Amino acid sequence: MDQKSAWMAYVQRLHAAGFAIIQEADRMTVGADVRDPKVLALSLLCRTLSNMNGATVMIEAGLIVEARTLTRCCFENFLWIAELANKGAEFVKQMVEDEVVSQQGRGKMLLSWSERLEEAVSYETKLRDSLERMKAKYPKSKPIKYGELGKRHGVGDSYMWLRLLSSDSAHPSLTALARYIVRQPDNVLKLVVVPVPTTIEEESTLQFACQAVLGVCVATCQICTVPKAYEALSPLLDEFIELAKISMNRGGIEQPAAPSKSPE
């Protein structure tokens, strides 16, 4: 089995382990409140498993930019859940404030757009009232700063990988746009609609995704207290390290650090 196939097979086992966490957690009472850290942790795990599956589908389709963009989402989820695992309700409060800031920003943009229309729109008055209520209820809301996530509990390096995936794929930076421009031997530039990925890039993208998903799984186990599912992660962590070593020895350029076995 080649290394790409090995990572693909590993993704399937990792997804099964993540689903086992959800199944075990489903047997306990997590409460009906959507702000319950356990509910949010399981939601983040579901999102991350979906992102990882999407990334593998994109790799199979030869769409490396789209695969890496979804992999970036996995690291974003990991940074959030790592904070949730360490701060609990305190980080839930930050999540609420971040949502408030986001809704206020979108609302103001929508009002600005409606003001340019010739006729008044029906939602304008209700939207203004809603924004005023949010401002009164959350007068000092601040957005979450991604660069600060994970620094205090050993996962801050994940932000570096998030930035890498942002610049070379998720955002239309010059680095990302360079994928679509190929210089021919005669110095003529050629545009390509679908950039052709290298084998190393496909493997490293799968490795990135698995690293982030493992972190999310470990943090979810910590938050939800699911001992059977957590115990089942141990051999997967060992296997990840071995697969990463093989990829490194084969000359992979991008090498994310192996995840810690402890979420603390």
Protein backbone atom coordinates (compact mmCIF):
# COMPACT_ATOMS: atom_id res chain seq x y z
CA MET A 1 0.00 0.00 0.00
CA ASP A 2 1.38 3.42 -0.96
CA GLN A 3 1.54 6.21 1.61
CA LYS A 4 -1.44 8.12 0.26
CA SER A 5 -3.59 4.98 0.47
CA ALA A 6 -2.29 4.36 3.98
CA TRP A 7 -3.44 7.84 5.05
CA MET A 8 -6.81 7.33 3.37
CA ALA A 9 -7.32 4.06 5.24
CA TYR A 10 -6.27 5.78 8.46
CA VAL A 11 -8.88 8.50 7.88
CA GLN A 12 -11.58 5.83 7.86
CA ARG A 13 -10.43 4.38 11.19
CA LEU A 14 -10.15 7.86 12.68
CA HIS A 15 -13.68 8.70 11.56
CA ALA A 16 -14.96 5.51 13.20
CA ALA A 17 -13.18 6.48 16.44
CA GLY A 18 -14.77 9.92 16.33
CA PHE A 19 -18.19 8.43 15.77
CA ALA A 20 -17.62 6.10 18.73
CA ILE A 21 -17.07 9.17 20.93
CA ILE A 22 -20.41 10.57 19.80
CA GLN A 23 -22.15 7.24 20.45
CA GLU A 24 -20.72 6.89 23.95
CA ALA A 25 -21.46 10.51 24.81
CA ASP A 26 -25.02 10.10 23.57
CA ARG A 27 -25.72 7.75 26.47
CA MET A 28 -25.20 10.48 29.03
CA THR A 29 -27.23 13.56 29.84
CA VAL A 30 -25.61 16.60 28.32
CA GLY A 31 -28.53 18.94 28.93
CA ALA A 32 -30.74 20.84 26.51
CA ASP A 33 -28.80 24.09 26.70
CA VAL A 34 -26.85 24.74 23.52
CA ARG A 35 -24.27 26.57 25.63
CA ASP A 36 -23.42 23.39 27.52
CA PRO A 37 -19.68 22.76 26.84
CA LYS A 38 -20.46 19.08 26.21
CA VAL A 39 -23.03 19.91 23.54
CA LEU A 40 -20.67 22.38 21.88
CA ALA A 41 -17.78 19.90 22.01
CA LEU A 42 -19.83 17.20 20.30
CA SER A 43 -20.98 19.74 17.69
CA LEU A 44 -17.37 20.70 17.00
CA LEU A 45 -16.45 17.02 16.67
CA CYS A 46 -19.29 16.44 14.18
CA ARG A 47 -18.17 19.47 12.16
CA THR A 48 -14.56 18.32 12.17
CA LEU A 49 -15.37 14.78 11.03
CA SER A 50 -17.44 16.27 8.22
CA ASN A 51 -14.60 18.63 7.25
CA MET A 52 -12.13 15.73 7.18
CA ASN A 53 -14.44 13.63 5.01
CA GLY A 54 -14.88 16.56 2.66
CA ALA A 55 -11.11 16.99 2.40
CA THR A 56 -10.62 13.34 1.45
CA VAL A 57 -13.36 13.56 -1.19
CA MET A 58 -11.64 16.61 -2.65
CA ILE A 59 -8.27 14.83 -2.72
CA GLU A 60 -9.81 11.87 -4.52
CA ALA A 61 -11.26 14.35 -7.04
CA GLY A 62 -7.86 16.00 -7.54
CA LEU A 63 -8.98 19.29 -5.96
CA ILE A 64 -6.08 20.02 -3.62
CA VAL A 65 -6.97 23.68 -2.97
CA GLU A 66 -10.44 22.73 -1.81
CA ALA A 67 -9.03 19.86 0.28
CA ARG A 68 -6.60 22.16 2.06
CA THR A 69 -9.30 24.76 2.64
CA LEU A 70 -11.41 22.15 4.44
CA THR A 71 -8.33 20.97 6.34
CA ARG A 72 -7.87 24.53 7.54
CA CYS A 73 -11.37 24.27 9.03
CA CYS A 74 -10.21 21.22 11.01
CA PHE A 75 -7.42 23.24 12.64
CA GLU A 76 -9.83 26.09 13.32
CA ASN A 77 -12.15 23.63 15.10
CA PHE A 78 -9.23 22.21 17.06
CA LEU A 79 -8.15 25.62 18.36
CA TRP A 80 -11.70 26.33 19.51
CA ILE A 81 -12.24 23.00 21.24
CA ALA A 82 -8.83 23.15 22.93
CA GLU A 83 -9.91 26.43 24.53
CA LEU A 84 -13.27 24.92 25.42
CA ALA A 85 -11.57 21.97 27.11
CA ASN A 86 -9.39 24.22 29.23
CA LYS A 87 -11.72 27.13 29.96
CA GLY A 88 -15.17 25.57 29.85
CA ALA A 89 -17.95 28.08 30.49
CA GLU A 90 -15.50 30.97 30.26
CA PHE A 91 -14.78 30.16 26.63
CA VAL A 92 -18.47 29.58 25.93
CA LYS A 93 -18.95 33.20 26.99
CA GLN A 94 -16.26 34.22 24.51
CA MET A 95 -18.03 32.22 21.80
CA VAL A 96 -21.28 34.06 22.56
CA GLU A 97 -19.56 37.43 22.38
CA ASP A 98 -17.84 36.46 19.13
CA GLU A 99 -21.22 35.55 17.66
CA VAL A 100 -22.70 38.84 18.83
CA VAL A 101 -19.88 40.83 17.21
CA SER A 102 -20.34 38.84 14.00
CA GLN A 103 -24.12 39.36 13.93
CA GLN A 104 -23.72 43.06 14.65
CA GLY A 105 -21.21 43.40 11.83
CA ARG A 106 -23.45 41.59 9.35
CA GLY A 107 -26.46 43.58 10.48
CA LYS A 108 -24.69 46.91 10.00
CA MET A 109 -23.53 45.87 6.54
CA LEU A 110 -27.08 44.90 5.61
CA LEU A 111 -28.42 48.23 6.83
CA SER A 112 -25.74 50.06 4.90
CA TRP A 113 -26.78 48.17 1.77
CA SER A 114 -30.50 48.83 2.32
CA GLU A 115 -29.83 52.56 2.68
CA ARG A 116 -28.58 52.61 -0.92
CA LEU A 117 -31.83 51.21 -2.25
CA GLU A 118 -34.47 53.50 -3.67
CA GLU A 119 -37.27 51.99 -1.59
CA ALA A 120 -37.33 51.14 2.11
CA VAL A 121 -37.06 47.44 2.97
CA SER A 122 -39.45 45.74 5.35
CA TYR A 123 -36.82 44.33 7.71
CA GLU A 124 -34.93 47.58 8.38
CA THR A 125 -36.82 48.70 11.51
CA LYS A 126 -36.76 45.23 13.10
CA LEU A 127 -33.06 44.86 12.32
CA ARG A 128 -32.19 48.19 13.90
CA ASP A 129 -34.16 47.27 17.02
CA SER A 130 -32.41 43.90 17.20
CA LEU A 131 -28.97 45.52 16.93
CA GLU A 132 -29.85 47.97 19.68
CA ARG A 133 -30.97 45.14 21.98
CA MET A 134 -27.74 43.24 21.35
CA LYS A 135 -25.70 46.35 22.05
CA ALA A 136 -27.54 46.89 25.34
CA LYS A 137 -27.22 43.25 26.42
CA TYR A 138 -23.61 42.80 25.31
CA PRO A 139 -22.04 46.28 25.47
CA LYS A 140 -18.42 45.09 25.56
CA SER A 141 -18.41 42.09 23.25
CA LYS A 142 -15.11 41.22 21.59
CA PRO A 143 -14.30 38.85 18.73
CA ILE A 144 -12.17 35.76 19.32
CA LYS A 145 -8.54 36.31 18.34
CA TYR A 146 -7.32 33.14 16.69
CA GLY A 147 -3.67 33.97 17.24
CA GLU A 148 -4.24 33.80 20.99
CA LEU A 149 -5.96 30.41 21.00
CA GLY A 150 -4.04 27.45 22.35
CA LYS A 151 -0.98 29.37 23.53
CA ARG A 152 -1.47 28.49 27.20
CA HIS A 153 -2.04 24.78 26.75
CA GLY A 154 0.47 23.58 24.20
CA VAL A 155 -1.48 23.62 20.94
CA GLY A 156 -0.56 27.09 19.74
CA ASP A 157 1.47 25.60 16.86
CA SER A 158 -1.83 24.65 15.24
CA TYR A 159 -2.36 28.32 14.46
CA MET A 160 0.81 28.20 12.37
CA TRP A 161 -0.64 25.37 10.26
CA LEU A 162 -3.94 27.25 9.99
CA ARG A 163 -2.06 30.28 8.67
CA LEU A 164 -0.15 28.11 6.19
CA LEU A 165 -3.35 26.59 4.82
CA SER A 166 -5.00 30.01 4.71
CA SER A 167 -2.23 31.61 2.68
CA ASP A 168 -1.63 28.82 0.19
CA SER A 169 -5.23 27.73 -0.37
CA ALA A 170 -8.13 29.27 1.55
CA HIS A 171 -7.38 32.93 0.76
CA PRO A 172 -6.70 34.40 -2.72
CA SER A 173 -3.16 35.41 -1.80
CA LEU A 174 -0.41 35.64 -4.40
CA THR A 175 0.88 32.31 -3.09
CA ALA A 176 -2.49 30.68 -3.64
CA LEU A 177 -3.01 32.28 -7.06
CA ALA A 178 0.40 31.07 -8.20
CA ARG A 179 -1.08 27.56 -8.29
CA TYR A 180 -3.11 28.55 -11.34
CA ILE A 181 -0.21 30.01 -13.32
CA VAL A 182 2.33 27.71 -14.97
CA ARG A 183 5.39 29.05 -16.77
CA GLN A 184 6.10 27.10 -19.92
CA PRO A 185 9.65 26.26 -21.16
CA ASP A 186 9.35 29.08 -23.71
CA ASN A 187 8.62 31.50 -20.84
CA VAL A 188 4.96 31.78 -21.81
CA LEU A 189 2.47 31.77 -18.92
CA LYS A 190 -0.29 29.20 -18.98
CA LEU A 191 -3.43 29.28 -16.84
CA VAL A 192 -4.83 26.07 -15.35
CA VAL A 193 -8.35 25.77 -13.97
CA VAL A 194 -7.51 22.82 -11.71
CA PRO A 195 -3.97 22.85 -10.26
CA VAL A 196 -2.28 19.46 -10.36
CA PRO A 197 -1.27 18.40 -6.83
CA THR A 198 1.94 16.59 -6.02
CA THR A 199 1.82 13.26 -4.21
CA ILE A 200 3.66 14.79 -1.25
CA GLU A 201 1.13 17.60 -1.01
CA GLU A 202 -1.78 15.16 -1.02
CA GLU A 203 -0.14 13.07 1.70
CA SER A 204 0.76 16.05 3.85
CA THR A 205 -2.78 17.45 3.54
CA LEU A 206 -4.19 14.15 4.79
CA GLN A 207 -1.63 14.19 7.60
CA PHE A 208 -2.63 17.74 8.55
CA ALA A 209 -6.31 16.79 8.63
CA CYS A 210 -5.69 13.70 10.75
CA GLN A 211 -3.55 15.65 13.21
CA ALA A 212 -6.30 18.21 13.75
CA VAL A 213 -9.04 15.59 14.02
CA LEU A 214 -7.05 13.60 16.57
CA GLY A 215 -6.72 16.75 18.67
CA VAL A 216 -10.45 17.38 18.45
CA CYS A 217 -11.18 13.77 19.45
CA VAL A 218 -8.89 13.97 22.49
CA ALA A 219 -10.38 17.27 23.63
CA THR A 220 -13.93 15.96 23.17
CA CYS A 221 -13.10 12.94 25.33
CA GLN A 222 -11.78 15.25 28.01
CA ILE A 223 -14.88 17.44 27.98
CA CYS A 224 -17.47 14.66 27.73
CA THR A 225 -15.71 12.00 29.87
CA VAL A 226 -16.01 8.98 27.57
CA PRO A 227 -13.39 6.52 28.87
CA LYS A 228 -13.98 3.70 26.36
CA ALA A 229 -13.70 5.98 23.36
CA TYR A 230 -10.67 7.74 24.82
CA GLU A 231 -8.89 4.42 25.42
CA ALA A 232 -9.54 3.44 21.79
CA LEU A 233 -7.68 6.56 20.64
CA SER A 234 -4.34 5.42 22.05
CA PRO A 235 -3.44 2.97 19.24
CA LEU A 236 -4.59 5.53 16.68
CA LEU A 237 -2.24 8.11 18.16
CA ASP A 238 0.64 5.63 17.95
CA GLU A 239 -0.27 4.77 14.36
CA PHE A 240 -0.39 8.46 13.43
CA ILE A 241 3.15 8.94 14.73
CA GLU A 242 4.41 5.96 12.73
CA LEU A 243 2.70 7.12 9.53
CA ALA A 244 4.08 10.63 10.03
CA LYS A 245 7.59 9.21 10.44
CA ILE A 246 7.28 7.30 7.18
CA SER A 247 6.09 10.43 5.39
CA MET A 248 8.99 12.42 6.82
CA ASN A 249 11.54 9.82 5.78
CA ARG A 250 10.12 9.87 2.26
CA GLY A 251 11.04 13.54 1.98
CA GLY A 252 7.77 15.31 2.77
CA ILE A 253 8.19 19.09 2.83
CA GLU A 254 5.38 19.91 5.23
CA GLN A 255 5.67 18.19 8.59
CA PRO A 256 3.11 18.99 11.29
CA ALA A 257 4.10 17.99 14.79
CA ALA A 258 2.66 14.79 16.18
CA PRO A 259 -0.30 15.42 18.50
CA SER A 260 0.14 14.99 22.22
CA LYS A 261 -1.44 11.98 23.86
CA SER A 262 -2.69 14.17 26.68
CA PRO A 263 -5.17 17.02 26.17
CA GLU A 264 -3.71 18.84 29.15
